Every structure is written in C-alpha cells, then in structure tokens.
C-alpha cells in the first residue's frame, strides 16, 4: 500500500525519515482549520488531523493516509500559527516565564479490508493526571488516532530575547510563534513528554500506528 503524507510541513517529513519512513507522495489537505467556539485544544487538534486525513482519503481511498496537527495551548487557549511579527511577539510574551502544553494529534486512514479488520477507535496518550478525552464522532472504521501531550516550560524572556528571536525568522508559520528545534531551545529549560511531539510529530506513537497498518 502507498503511504500519503497529508501535510505540507517539511519538519514532519524529516521526522518520518528518522524512523525509516518515506511517504510515496505528499499531498497537503486544504481544509478550514478555524477553531470552533469554546473548542478545547486537544479536541481541536484531533478534529483537524482527522479531517485532513479524511479529505485526502476521499480522493485516494485505496492508499494509507497519515495526517497530523499540532497546537500550542495556554490553559484552554489555542495559540495561533504566527504569520506576522506582531502575532509572534504576543505569543512569546504570553509564554514567557510559564508552562504551556503542546498537543499533536496523528491520524491514520487505513483502506479496507485492512482498516475494517483493525476497527476504529481512539488511542489516547497523555501525561499522568490528565483527564481522558472522548472519542471523536469522526473516528470510525479504518481510522486510527492518537493525541500526544507535552508540557513545556519557558524561561522569562527579556525584550531583547524576543527581538533577537524575531530577527531569526524561525517563528514564521510556527504554532505559538517558536520552533523548539531552533534558537528557541535556549529559552526552554524543561519539557515533560515527547520532544518530537513539540517539533510536530510524536515518533514513538506514529511508529506504532504505522506498524499496525503494516508500514515499517
């Protein structure tokens, strides 16, 4: 079976290659990623990842489709992808000196008959003490999802720290206005959970999903 990566993120492609997986094709899913009113961060990222997978699966129903979505959250607040410097500065001001959470939902569409044999359902991975999440109504036969949560602590950032980081342009298009795999790592003294999850794809959990589909 062919594997399609439903993502335009070069970071996700690089991460997949680190576990020996090279997709046959990369086809980003063109969907509306606007959060719904009062939508919780974990449920939002799960919904979006599943909608991405189903969008591409609707065009390529005989292929395996891997999709993912990553969000940075402060409490119940979903931070945006920083497309301009003003947004990036606001995100870093908010993250400065505090902990936040990074969620990545990974969704795998598996075509029949294998998908039917595996069945549907939600696999949930989270840190101890986190409440379990309900299964999405989108999850059904042939769809497998996992949500991974990582806690991240930022040092308190000075105005000069933020200005220097803005000059790097690493923040462009990044959830929460930073990339942990770049210069922003110097601001982060501690994480709890998966590092690759913060980059954009939790490798251990993604590898397990792919293994169940016979892709190794």
N, C-alpha and C. Protein backbone atom coordinates (compact mmCIF):
# COMPACT_ATOMS: atom_id res chain seq x y z
N UNK A 1 0.84 -1.20 0.00
CA UNK A 1 0.00 0.00 0.00
C UNK A 1 0.87 1.25 0.00
N UNK A 2 0.43 2.27 -0.73
CA UNK A 2 1.15 3.53 -0.72
C UNK A 2 0.80 4.32 0.54
N UNK A 3 1.78 5.07 1.02
CA UNK A 3 1.53 5.97 2.15
C UNK A 3 1.57 7.41 1.64
N UNK A 4 0.49 8.14 1.90
CA UNK A 4 0.43 9.55 1.57
C UNK A 4 0.54 10.36 2.86
N UNK A 5 1.43 11.33 2.88
CA UNK A 5 1.54 12.26 3.99
C UNK A 5 0.70 13.49 3.67
N UNK A 6 -0.34 13.71 4.45
CA UNK A 6 -1.25 14.82 4.20
C UNK A 6 -0.78 16.05 4.97
N UNK A 7 0.40 16.53 4.64
CA UNK A 7 0.98 17.66 5.36
C UNK A 7 1.99 18.37 4.48
N UNK A 8 2.00 19.70 4.59
CA UNK A 8 2.98 20.49 3.86
C UNK A 8 4.22 20.76 4.72
N UNK A 9 4.24 20.24 5.93
CA UNK A 9 5.32 20.55 6.88
C UNK A 9 6.60 19.79 6.53
N UNK A 10 7.68 20.47 6.21
CA UNK A 10 8.95 19.77 5.98
C UNK A 10 9.48 19.10 7.24
N UNK A 11 9.10 19.62 8.39
CA UNK A 11 9.56 19.02 9.65
C UNK A 11 8.96 17.63 9.83
N UNK A 12 7.69 17.46 9.49
CA UNK A 12 7.07 16.14 9.64
C UNK A 12 7.71 15.13 8.69
N UNK A 13 8.03 15.57 7.49
CA UNK A 13 8.69 14.67 6.54
C UNK A 13 10.06 14.26 7.08
N UNK A 14 10.81 15.21 7.63
CA UNK A 14 12.12 14.91 8.19
C UNK A 14 12.01 13.95 9.37
N UNK A 15 11.00 14.16 10.22
CA UNK A 15 10.81 13.28 11.37
C UNK A 15 10.46 11.86 10.93
N UNK A 16 9.60 11.73 9.94
CA UNK A 16 9.26 10.40 9.44
C UNK A 16 10.51 9.67 8.94
N UNK A 17 11.36 10.39 8.25
CA UNK A 17 12.58 9.77 7.71
C UNK A 17 13.49 9.29 8.83
N UNK A 18 13.41 9.92 9.99
CA UNK A 18 14.23 9.49 11.13
C UNK A 18 13.83 8.12 11.64
N UNK A 19 12.58 7.69 11.37
CA UNK A 19 12.18 6.33 11.76
C UNK A 19 12.06 5.43 10.53
N UNK A 20 12.72 5.84 9.45
CA UNK A 20 12.82 4.99 8.28
C UNK A 20 11.60 4.96 7.39
N UNK A 21 10.75 5.97 7.48
CA UNK A 21 9.53 6.02 6.68
C UNK A 21 9.63 7.15 5.66
N UNK A 22 9.45 6.83 4.38
CA UNK A 22 9.41 7.83 3.33
C UNK A 22 8.07 7.70 2.59
N UNK A 23 7.20 8.68 2.68
CA UNK A 23 5.90 8.59 2.01
C UNK A 23 6.06 8.49 0.50
N UNK A 24 5.12 7.80 -0.13
CA UNK A 24 5.13 7.71 -1.59
C UNK A 24 4.77 9.05 -2.21
N UNK A 25 3.96 9.81 -1.48
CA UNK A 25 3.51 11.10 -2.00
C UNK A 25 3.19 12.03 -0.84
N UNK A 26 3.34 13.33 -1.07
CA UNK A 26 3.00 14.35 -0.08
C UNK A 26 1.90 15.22 -0.69
N UNK A 27 0.72 15.20 -0.06
CA UNK A 27 -0.42 15.95 -0.57
C UNK A 27 -1.07 16.70 0.60
N UNK A 28 -0.78 17.98 0.77
CA UNK A 28 -1.40 18.74 1.85
C UNK A 28 -2.92 18.78 1.70
N UNK A 29 -3.62 18.76 2.82
CA UNK A 29 -5.08 18.82 2.82
C UNK A 29 -5.53 20.27 2.96
N UNK A 30 -6.34 20.70 2.04
CA UNK A 30 -6.86 22.08 2.03
C UNK A 30 -8.18 22.11 2.78
N UNK A 31 -8.13 22.31 4.09
CA UNK A 31 -9.34 22.35 4.91
C UNK A 31 -9.36 23.63 5.75
N UNK A 32 -10.51 23.95 6.27
CA UNK A 32 -10.65 25.09 7.17
C UNK A 32 -10.19 24.68 8.56
N UNK A 33 -9.15 25.34 9.08
CA UNK A 33 -8.59 24.98 10.38
C UNK A 33 -9.00 25.96 11.47
N UNK A 34 -10.06 26.71 11.25
CA UNK A 34 -10.53 27.67 12.24
C UNK A 34 -11.08 26.94 13.47
N UNK A 35 -10.61 27.28 14.67
CA UNK A 35 -11.17 26.64 15.87
C UNK A 35 -12.65 26.99 16.04
N UNK A 36 -13.41 26.04 16.55
CA UNK A 36 -14.81 26.29 16.84
C UNK A 36 -14.94 26.99 18.18
N UNK A 37 -16.06 27.60 18.41
CA UNK A 37 -16.27 28.35 19.65
C UNK A 37 -16.13 27.42 20.86
N UNK A 38 -15.27 27.83 21.79
CA UNK A 38 -15.04 27.12 23.06
C UNK A 38 -14.45 25.72 22.85
N UNK A 39 -13.86 25.45 21.68
CA UNK A 39 -13.27 24.14 21.42
C UNK A 39 -11.98 23.97 22.23
N UNK A 40 -11.87 22.87 22.93
CA UNK A 40 -10.68 22.61 23.73
C UNK A 40 -9.50 22.26 22.81
N UNK A 41 -8.28 22.63 23.22
CA UNK A 41 -7.11 22.43 22.34
C UNK A 41 -6.92 20.99 21.89
N UNK A 42 -7.03 20.02 22.79
CA UNK A 42 -6.79 18.63 22.41
C UNK A 42 -7.85 18.13 21.43
N UNK A 43 -9.11 18.49 21.67
CA UNK A 43 -10.17 18.06 20.78
C UNK A 43 -10.08 18.77 19.43
N UNK A 44 -9.63 20.02 19.47
CA UNK A 44 -9.44 20.75 18.21
C UNK A 44 -8.40 20.05 17.34
N UNK A 45 -7.25 19.73 17.92
CA UNK A 45 -6.18 19.15 17.10
C UNK A 45 -6.57 17.76 16.61
N UNK A 46 -7.33 17.02 17.41
CA UNK A 46 -7.81 15.72 16.97
C UNK A 46 -8.76 15.87 15.78
N UNK A 47 -9.69 16.80 15.89
CA UNK A 47 -10.66 17.01 14.81
C UNK A 47 -9.96 17.41 13.52
N UNK A 48 -9.04 18.34 13.61
CA UNK A 48 -8.38 18.84 12.41
C UNK A 48 -7.53 17.74 11.75
N UNK A 49 -6.81 16.96 12.56
CA UNK A 49 -6.00 15.87 11.99
C UNK A 49 -6.88 14.86 11.27
N UNK A 50 -8.01 14.53 11.87
CA UNK A 50 -8.91 13.56 11.25
C UNK A 50 -9.53 14.12 9.98
N UNK A 51 -9.90 15.39 10.00
CA UNK A 51 -10.48 16.00 8.80
C UNK A 51 -9.46 16.06 7.66
N UNK A 52 -8.20 16.31 8.00
CA UNK A 52 -7.15 16.29 6.97
C UNK A 52 -7.03 14.90 6.35
N UNK A 53 -7.00 13.88 7.20
CA UNK A 53 -6.85 12.51 6.70
C UNK A 53 -8.04 12.12 5.83
N UNK A 54 -9.24 12.46 6.27
CA UNK A 54 -10.43 12.08 5.53
C UNK A 54 -10.56 12.85 4.23
N UNK A 55 -10.08 14.09 4.21
CA UNK A 55 -10.11 14.90 2.99
C UNK A 55 -9.27 14.23 1.90
N UNK A 56 -8.06 13.81 2.25
CA UNK A 56 -7.18 13.17 1.26
C UNK A 56 -7.67 11.75 0.96
N UNK A 57 -8.16 11.04 1.98
CA UNK A 57 -8.67 9.68 1.75
C UNK A 57 -9.86 9.68 0.80
N UNK A 58 -10.63 10.77 0.79
CA UNK A 58 -11.75 10.86 -0.13
C UNK A 58 -11.31 10.88 -1.58
N UNK A 59 -10.08 11.34 -1.82
CA UNK A 59 -9.53 11.38 -3.18
C UNK A 59 -8.69 10.15 -3.51
N UNK A 60 -8.11 9.55 -2.47
CA UNK A 60 -7.24 8.38 -2.66
C UNK A 60 -7.66 7.28 -1.68
N UNK A 61 -8.85 6.71 -1.87
CA UNK A 61 -9.39 5.77 -0.87
C UNK A 61 -8.66 4.45 -0.76
N UNK A 62 -7.79 4.12 -1.70
CA UNK A 62 -7.06 2.85 -1.64
C UNK A 62 -5.67 3.00 -1.03
N UNK A 63 -5.32 4.20 -0.64
CA UNK A 63 -4.00 4.46 -0.05
C UNK A 63 -4.11 4.69 1.46
N UNK A 64 -3.02 4.44 2.17
CA UNK A 64 -2.92 4.80 3.58
C UNK A 64 -2.59 6.29 3.65
N UNK A 65 -3.31 7.02 4.50
CA UNK A 65 -3.11 8.46 4.62
C UNK A 65 -2.73 8.80 6.06
N UNK A 66 -1.62 9.51 6.20
CA UNK A 66 -1.17 9.96 7.52
C UNK A 66 -1.31 11.48 7.60
N UNK A 67 -2.01 11.95 8.62
CA UNK A 67 -2.20 13.39 8.82
C UNK A 67 -1.91 13.73 10.27
N UNK A 68 -1.53 14.97 10.51
CA UNK A 68 -1.24 15.40 11.88
C UNK A 68 -1.56 16.88 12.02
N UNK A 69 -1.78 17.28 13.27
CA UNK A 69 -1.99 18.69 13.57
C UNK A 69 -1.39 18.97 14.95
N UNK A 70 -0.68 20.08 15.07
CA UNK A 70 -0.02 20.47 16.32
C UNK A 70 -0.52 21.82 16.78
N UNK A 71 -0.83 21.93 18.06
CA UNK A 71 -1.21 23.22 18.64
C UNK A 71 -0.43 23.47 19.91
N UNK A 72 -0.19 24.75 20.17
CA UNK A 72 0.37 25.21 21.44
C UNK A 72 -0.79 25.81 22.23
N UNK A 73 -0.91 25.41 23.49
CA UNK A 73 -2.04 25.84 24.30
C UNK A 73 -1.59 26.40 25.64
N UNK A 74 -2.17 27.51 26.02
CA UNK A 74 -2.02 28.06 27.37
C UNK A 74 -3.38 27.95 28.04
N UNK A 75 -3.49 27.03 28.99
CA UNK A 75 -4.80 26.77 29.56
C UNK A 75 -5.72 26.23 28.47
N UNK A 76 -6.89 26.84 28.32
CA UNK A 76 -7.84 26.43 27.29
C UNK A 76 -7.65 27.21 25.99
N UNK A 77 -6.67 28.09 25.98
CA UNK A 77 -6.46 28.98 24.84
C UNK A 77 -5.55 28.34 23.80
N UNK A 78 -6.00 28.33 22.56
CA UNK A 78 -5.20 27.83 21.44
C UNK A 78 -4.42 28.99 20.85
N UNK A 79 -3.09 28.90 20.88
CA UNK A 79 -2.28 29.96 20.29
C UNK A 79 -2.23 29.79 18.77
N UNK A 80 -2.21 30.89 18.04
CA UNK A 80 -2.23 30.80 16.58
C UNK A 80 -0.87 30.45 16.00
N UNK A 81 -0.87 30.07 14.72
CA UNK A 81 0.38 30.00 13.97
C UNK A 81 0.79 31.43 13.66
N UNK A 82 2.03 31.76 13.95
CA UNK A 82 2.48 33.15 13.80
C UNK A 82 2.81 33.44 12.34
N UNK A 83 1.98 34.22 11.71
CA UNK A 83 2.22 34.60 10.31
C UNK A 83 2.79 35.99 10.18
N UNK A 84 2.84 36.73 11.29
CA UNK A 84 3.43 38.07 11.28
C UNK A 84 4.11 38.32 12.62
N UNK A 85 4.97 39.33 12.65
CA UNK A 85 5.79 39.59 13.84
C UNK A 85 4.95 39.99 15.04
N UNK A 86 3.88 40.72 14.82
CA UNK A 86 3.03 41.13 15.94
C UNK A 86 2.45 39.92 16.65
N UNK A 87 1.95 38.95 15.87
CA UNK A 87 1.38 37.74 16.46
C UNK A 87 2.46 36.94 17.19
N UNK A 88 3.64 36.81 16.59
CA UNK A 88 4.73 36.06 17.22
C UNK A 88 5.14 36.69 18.55
N UNK A 89 5.25 38.01 18.58
CA UNK A 89 5.62 38.70 19.82
C UNK A 89 4.57 38.48 20.91
N UNK A 90 3.30 38.53 20.54
CA UNK A 90 2.23 38.31 21.52
C UNK A 90 2.31 36.90 22.10
N UNK A 91 2.58 35.92 21.22
CA UNK A 91 2.71 34.54 21.69
C UNK A 91 3.87 34.39 22.67
N UNK A 92 5.03 34.95 22.33
CA UNK A 92 6.20 34.82 23.20
C UNK A 92 6.02 35.57 24.50
N UNK A 93 5.37 36.71 24.46
CA UNK A 93 5.05 37.44 25.70
C UNK A 93 4.19 36.58 26.62
N UNK A 94 3.23 35.87 26.02
CA UNK A 94 2.33 35.02 26.81
C UNK A 94 3.06 33.81 27.37
N UNK A 95 3.96 33.23 26.59
CA UNK A 95 4.66 32.02 27.02
C UNK A 95 5.78 32.32 28.03
N UNK A 96 6.28 33.53 28.03
CA UNK A 96 7.42 33.92 28.86
C UNK A 96 7.20 33.59 30.34
N UNK A 97 8.13 32.83 30.92
CA UNK A 97 8.12 32.57 32.36
C UNK A 97 7.05 31.61 32.82
N UNK A 98 6.45 30.85 31.92
CA UNK A 98 5.38 29.96 32.35
C UNK A 98 5.42 28.63 31.58
N UNK A 99 4.61 27.69 32.05
CA UNK A 99 4.46 26.42 31.36
C UNK A 99 3.30 26.48 30.38
N UNK A 100 3.43 25.71 29.32
CA UNK A 100 2.31 25.55 28.40
C UNK A 100 2.31 24.11 27.92
N UNK A 101 1.34 23.77 27.11
CA UNK A 101 1.22 22.41 26.60
C UNK A 101 1.25 22.43 25.08
N UNK A 102 1.83 21.40 24.52
CA UNK A 102 1.82 21.20 23.07
C UNK A 102 1.10 19.88 22.79
N UNK A 103 0.07 19.95 21.97
CA UNK A 103 -0.67 18.76 21.57
C UNK A 103 -0.40 18.48 20.09
N UNK A 104 -0.16 17.23 19.77
CA UNK A 104 -0.18 16.80 18.38
C UNK A 104 -1.12 15.62 18.27
N UNK A 105 -2.06 15.73 17.34
CA UNK A 105 -2.92 14.60 17.01
C UNK A 105 -2.40 14.00 15.71
N UNK A 106 -2.28 12.69 15.69
CA UNK A 106 -1.86 11.96 14.49
C UNK A 106 -3.01 11.05 14.09
N UNK A 107 -3.38 11.11 12.83
CA UNK A 107 -4.49 10.30 12.33
C UNK A 107 -4.04 9.48 11.14
N UNK A 108 -4.39 8.21 11.16
CA UNK A 108 -4.04 7.31 10.07
C UNK A 108 -5.32 6.72 9.47
N UNK A 109 -5.53 6.98 8.20
CA UNK A 109 -6.62 6.34 7.46
C UNK A 109 -6.06 5.07 6.82
N UNK A 110 -6.74 3.95 7.06
CA UNK A 110 -6.30 2.66 6.53
C UNK A 110 -7.41 2.13 5.64
N UNK A 111 -7.15 1.92 4.36
CA UNK A 111 -8.22 1.48 3.46
C UNK A 111 -8.68 0.06 3.76
N UNK A 112 -9.92 -0.28 3.37
CA UNK A 112 -10.38 -1.65 3.55
C UNK A 112 -9.64 -2.57 2.60
N UNK A 113 -9.53 -3.86 2.91
CA UNK A 113 -10.18 -4.53 4.06
C UNK A 113 -9.39 -4.43 5.35
N UNK A 114 -8.11 -3.98 5.28
CA UNK A 114 -7.29 -3.92 6.49
C UNK A 114 -7.90 -2.99 7.52
N UNK A 115 -8.38 -1.83 7.07
CA UNK A 115 -8.96 -0.88 8.01
C UNK A 115 -10.14 -1.45 8.75
N UNK A 116 -10.96 -2.24 8.04
CA UNK A 116 -12.10 -2.85 8.69
C UNK A 116 -11.69 -3.88 9.72
N UNK A 117 -10.61 -4.64 9.43
CA UNK A 117 -10.16 -5.65 10.39
C UNK A 117 -9.58 -5.00 11.64
N UNK A 118 -8.92 -3.86 11.45
CA UNK A 118 -8.34 -3.19 12.62
C UNK A 118 -9.42 -2.52 13.45
N UNK A 119 -10.50 -2.10 12.80
CA UNK A 119 -11.57 -1.42 13.51
C UNK A 119 -11.22 0.02 13.81
N UNK A 120 -12.15 0.71 14.43
CA UNK A 120 -11.96 2.12 14.73
C UNK A 120 -11.64 2.33 16.19
N UNK A 121 -11.64 3.58 16.60
CA UNK A 121 -11.43 3.90 18.00
C UNK A 121 -10.33 4.90 18.19
N UNK A 122 -10.22 5.38 19.40
CA UNK A 122 -9.25 6.42 19.74
C UNK A 122 -8.19 5.85 20.67
N UNK A 123 -6.95 6.06 20.32
CA UNK A 123 -5.84 5.75 21.21
C UNK A 123 -5.41 7.06 21.83
N UNK A 124 -5.36 7.14 23.14
CA UNK A 124 -5.02 8.40 23.79
C UNK A 124 -3.75 8.24 24.60
N UNK A 125 -2.79 9.13 24.35
CA UNK A 125 -1.57 9.18 25.15
C UNK A 125 -1.50 10.54 25.81
N UNK A 126 -1.31 10.58 27.12
CA UNK A 126 -1.20 11.87 27.79
C UNK A 126 -0.37 11.70 29.05
N UNK A 127 -0.02 12.81 29.66
CA UNK A 127 0.75 12.75 30.89
C UNK A 127 -0.13 12.33 32.06
N UNK A 128 0.44 11.75 33.11
CA UNK A 128 -0.36 11.34 34.26
C UNK A 128 -1.15 12.51 34.82
N UNK A 129 -2.38 12.24 35.21
CA UNK A 129 -3.21 13.27 35.81
C UNK A 129 -4.10 14.00 34.83
N UNK A 130 -3.93 13.75 33.54
CA UNK A 130 -4.77 14.39 32.55
C UNK A 130 -6.05 13.59 32.36
N UNK A 131 -7.16 14.29 32.28
CA UNK A 131 -8.44 13.62 32.11
C UNK A 131 -8.51 12.95 30.74
N UNK A 132 -9.14 11.78 30.64
CA UNK A 132 -9.30 11.12 29.34
C UNK A 132 -10.20 11.94 28.43
N UNK A 133 -9.94 11.86 27.14
CA UNK A 133 -10.72 12.60 26.16
C UNK A 133 -11.73 11.69 25.49
N UNK A 134 -12.92 12.20 25.19
CA UNK A 134 -13.90 11.37 24.50
C UNK A 134 -13.50 11.13 23.05
N UNK A 135 -13.93 10.01 22.49
CA UNK A 135 -13.66 9.72 21.09
C UNK A 135 -14.43 10.68 20.20
N UNK A 136 -13.80 11.11 19.13
CA UNK A 136 -14.45 11.98 18.17
C UNK A 136 -15.49 11.21 17.37
N UNK A 137 -16.62 11.83 17.01
CA UNK A 137 -17.60 11.15 16.17
C UNK A 137 -17.05 10.83 14.78
N UNK A 138 -15.95 11.47 14.39
CA UNK A 138 -15.35 11.18 13.08
C UNK A 138 -14.62 9.84 13.08
N UNK A 139 -14.21 9.38 14.28
CA UNK A 139 -13.41 8.17 14.35
C UNK A 139 -14.31 6.97 14.08
N UNK A 140 -13.96 6.19 13.10
CA UNK A 140 -14.77 5.03 12.75
C UNK A 140 -13.91 3.98 12.09
N UNK A 141 -14.55 3.09 11.38
CA UNK A 141 -13.85 2.00 10.74
C UNK A 141 -12.79 2.52 9.78
N UNK A 142 -11.56 2.01 9.95
CA UNK A 142 -10.49 2.42 9.05
C UNK A 142 -9.73 3.66 9.50
N UNK A 143 -10.11 4.25 10.63
CA UNK A 143 -9.45 5.45 11.13
C UNK A 143 -8.85 5.16 12.50
N UNK A 144 -7.58 5.51 12.67
CA UNK A 144 -6.93 5.40 13.98
C UNK A 144 -6.33 6.75 14.33
N UNK A 145 -6.50 7.16 15.58
CA UNK A 145 -5.99 8.46 16.01
C UNK A 145 -5.23 8.34 17.32
N UNK A 146 -4.27 9.21 17.51
CA UNK A 146 -3.55 9.30 18.78
C UNK A 146 -3.33 10.78 19.06
N UNK A 147 -3.48 11.15 20.32
CA UNK A 147 -3.20 12.52 20.75
C UNK A 147 -2.08 12.45 21.78
N UNK A 148 -1.04 13.22 21.55
CA UNK A 148 0.11 13.22 22.47
C UNK A 148 0.28 14.63 23.03
N UNK A 149 0.50 14.69 24.31
CA UNK A 149 0.65 15.97 25.01
C UNK A 149 2.03 16.08 25.63
N UNK A 150 2.65 17.23 25.47
CA UNK A 150 3.94 17.52 26.09
C UNK A 150 3.85 18.84 26.84
N UNK A 151 4.38 18.88 28.04
CA UNK A 151 4.46 20.13 28.80
C UNK A 151 5.80 20.79 28.52
N UNK A 152 5.78 22.09 28.35
CA UNK A 152 7.00 22.85 28.04
C UNK A 152 7.07 24.05 28.97
N UNK A 153 8.25 24.28 29.53
CA UNK A 153 8.44 25.46 30.39
C UNK A 153 9.40 26.44 29.71
N UNK A 154 9.01 27.70 29.66
CA UNK A 154 9.84 28.77 29.10
C UNK A 154 10.49 29.56 30.23
N UNK A 155 11.73 29.96 30.02
CA UNK A 155 12.33 30.97 30.89
C UNK A 155 11.59 32.29 30.70
N UNK A 156 11.80 33.21 31.64
CA UNK A 156 11.27 34.55 31.44
C UNK A 156 12.10 35.24 30.36
N UNK A 157 11.42 35.77 29.37
CA UNK A 157 12.10 36.38 28.23
C UNK A 157 12.18 37.89 28.38
N UNK A 158 13.35 38.44 28.11
CA UNK A 158 13.50 39.89 28.09
C UNK A 158 13.06 40.43 26.74
N UNK A 159 12.88 41.73 26.68
CA UNK A 159 12.52 42.35 25.40
C UNK A 159 13.60 42.08 24.36
N UNK A 160 14.86 42.05 24.81
CA UNK A 160 15.96 41.79 23.88
C UNK A 160 15.95 40.35 23.39
N UNK A 161 15.58 39.40 24.27
CA UNK A 161 15.46 38.00 23.86
C UNK A 161 14.46 37.86 22.71
N UNK A 162 13.33 38.51 22.87
CA UNK A 162 12.27 38.40 21.87
C UNK A 162 12.68 39.09 20.57
N UNK A 163 13.31 40.26 20.69
CA UNK A 163 13.75 40.98 19.49
C UNK A 163 14.77 40.16 18.70
N UNK A 164 15.72 39.54 19.40
CA UNK A 164 16.72 38.72 18.72
C UNK A 164 16.06 37.51 18.05
N UNK A 165 15.09 36.93 18.71
CA UNK A 165 14.42 35.78 18.12
C UNK A 165 13.59 36.19 16.90
N UNK A 166 12.99 37.35 16.95
CA UNK A 166 12.25 37.84 15.79
C UNK A 166 13.16 37.96 14.57
N UNK A 167 14.40 38.38 14.81
CA UNK A 167 15.34 38.57 13.70
C UNK A 167 15.72 37.26 13.03
N UNK A 168 15.53 36.13 13.72
CA UNK A 168 15.89 34.83 13.14
C UNK A 168 14.88 34.35 12.11
N UNK A 169 13.66 34.86 12.19
CA UNK A 169 12.55 34.45 11.31
C UNK A 169 12.12 33.00 11.52
N UNK A 170 12.64 32.33 12.54
CA UNK A 170 12.24 30.95 12.81
C UNK A 170 10.77 30.85 13.22
N UNK A 171 10.23 31.92 13.73
CA UNK A 171 8.87 31.92 14.24
C UNK A 171 7.81 31.86 13.13
N UNK A 172 8.19 32.15 11.90
CA UNK A 172 7.20 32.27 10.82
C UNK A 172 6.47 30.95 10.58
N UNK A 173 5.16 31.00 10.67
CA UNK A 173 4.33 29.84 10.43
C UNK A 173 4.33 28.81 11.54
N UNK A 174 4.95 29.11 12.68
CA UNK A 174 5.05 28.15 13.77
C UNK A 174 3.93 28.36 14.79
N UNK A 175 3.36 27.26 15.24
CA UNK A 175 2.35 27.31 16.29
C UNK A 175 2.97 27.91 17.55
N UNK A 176 2.32 28.91 18.10
CA UNK A 176 2.84 29.56 19.31
C UNK A 176 4.01 30.48 19.06
N UNK A 177 4.43 30.64 17.80
CA UNK A 177 5.48 31.60 17.48
C UNK A 177 6.89 31.15 17.77
N UNK A 178 7.13 29.83 17.92
CA UNK A 178 8.51 29.38 18.16
C UNK A 178 8.72 27.99 17.60
N UNK A 179 9.99 27.64 17.37
CA UNK A 179 10.39 26.31 16.93
C UNK A 179 11.40 25.77 17.94
N UNK A 180 11.04 24.71 18.65
CA UNK A 180 11.91 24.18 19.70
C UNK A 180 13.21 23.64 19.11
N UNK A 181 13.19 23.20 17.85
CA UNK A 181 14.38 22.62 17.24
C UNK A 181 15.36 23.68 16.73
N UNK A 182 15.07 24.94 17.00
CA UNK A 182 15.95 26.02 16.56
C UNK A 182 16.47 26.83 17.73
N UNK A 183 16.61 28.13 17.52
CA UNK A 183 17.18 29.01 18.54
C UNK A 183 16.32 29.09 19.80
N UNK A 184 15.03 28.82 19.68
CA UNK A 184 14.15 28.92 20.86
C UNK A 184 14.47 27.88 21.92
N UNK A 185 15.23 26.84 21.56
CA UNK A 185 15.56 25.81 22.55
C UNK A 185 16.32 26.41 23.73
N UNK A 186 17.03 27.50 23.52
CA UNK A 186 17.77 28.13 24.62
C UNK A 186 16.83 28.75 25.66
N UNK A 187 15.56 28.95 25.30
CA UNK A 187 14.58 29.52 26.22
C UNK A 187 13.88 28.45 27.05
N UNK A 188 14.14 27.17 26.77
CA UNK A 188 13.34 26.08 27.32
C UNK A 188 14.19 25.20 28.23
N UNK A 189 14.09 25.37 29.56
CA UNK A 189 14.92 24.58 30.47
C UNK A 189 14.36 23.19 30.75
N UNK A 190 13.10 22.96 30.40
CA UNK A 190 12.48 21.68 30.78
C UNK A 190 11.30 21.37 29.88
N UNK A 191 11.17 20.09 29.50
CA UNK A 191 9.94 19.61 28.88
C UNK A 191 9.54 18.32 29.56
N UNK A 192 8.26 18.05 29.61
CA UNK A 192 7.74 16.80 30.14
C UNK A 192 7.00 16.07 29.05
N UNK A 193 7.62 15.02 28.51
CA UNK A 193 6.97 14.28 27.44
C UNK A 193 7.84 14.21 26.20
N UNK A 194 7.21 13.98 25.07
CA UNK A 194 7.89 13.74 23.80
C UNK A 194 8.44 15.03 23.19
N UNK A 195 9.75 15.03 22.90
CA UNK A 195 10.37 16.17 22.22
C UNK A 195 9.89 16.27 20.77
N UNK A 196 9.83 15.12 20.07
CA UNK A 196 9.41 15.16 18.67
C UNK A 196 7.97 15.62 18.53
N UNK A 197 7.17 15.42 19.58
CA UNK A 197 5.80 15.92 19.58
C UNK A 197 5.79 17.44 19.45
N UNK A 198 6.70 18.11 20.13
CA UNK A 198 6.76 19.57 20.09
C UNK A 198 7.24 20.03 18.71
N UNK A 199 8.12 19.26 18.09
CA UNK A 199 8.58 19.59 16.74
C UNK A 199 7.44 19.46 15.73
N UNK A 200 6.54 18.49 15.97
CA UNK A 200 5.39 18.37 15.08
C UNK A 200 4.89 16.99 14.79
N UNK A 201 5.60 15.93 15.30
CA UNK A 201 5.14 14.57 15.05
C UNK A 201 5.74 13.64 16.11
N UNK A 202 4.93 13.11 17.02
CA UNK A 202 5.46 12.20 18.05
C UNK A 202 5.86 10.87 17.42
N UNK A 203 7.15 10.59 17.39
CA UNK A 203 7.64 9.47 16.61
C UNK A 203 7.27 8.10 17.16
N UNK A 204 7.32 7.94 18.46
CA UNK A 204 7.00 6.62 19.03
C UNK A 204 5.56 6.23 18.72
N UNK A 205 4.65 7.16 18.94
CA UNK A 205 3.24 6.87 18.72
C UNK A 205 2.91 6.74 17.24
N UNK A 206 3.52 7.58 16.41
CA UNK A 206 3.31 7.50 14.96
C UNK A 206 3.83 6.16 14.44
N UNK A 207 4.99 5.76 14.93
CA UNK A 207 5.56 4.48 14.52
C UNK A 207 4.65 3.31 14.84
N UNK A 208 3.99 3.36 16.00
CA UNK A 208 3.07 2.29 16.38
C UNK A 208 1.85 2.25 15.47
N UNK A 209 1.31 3.42 15.14
CA UNK A 209 0.17 3.47 14.23
C UNK A 209 0.54 2.86 12.87
N UNK A 210 1.70 3.25 12.35
CA UNK A 210 2.12 2.74 11.05
C UNK A 210 2.40 1.24 11.10
N UNK A 211 2.98 0.78 12.20
CA UNK A 211 3.28 -0.64 12.34
C UNK A 211 2.00 -1.47 12.29
N UNK A 212 0.93 -0.97 12.92
CA UNK A 212 -0.34 -1.70 12.92
C UNK A 212 -0.92 -1.78 11.51
N UNK A 213 -0.56 -0.82 10.67
CA UNK A 213 -1.04 -0.82 9.28
C UNK A 213 -0.11 -1.59 8.36
N UNK A 214 0.96 -2.16 8.93
CA UNK A 214 1.90 -2.94 8.14
C UNK A 214 2.95 -2.10 7.44
N UNK A 215 3.13 -0.85 7.89
CA UNK A 215 4.13 0.05 7.30
C UNK A 215 5.23 0.23 8.31
N UNK A 216 6.45 -0.25 7.99
CA UNK A 216 7.57 -0.15 8.93
C UNK A 216 8.82 0.32 8.22
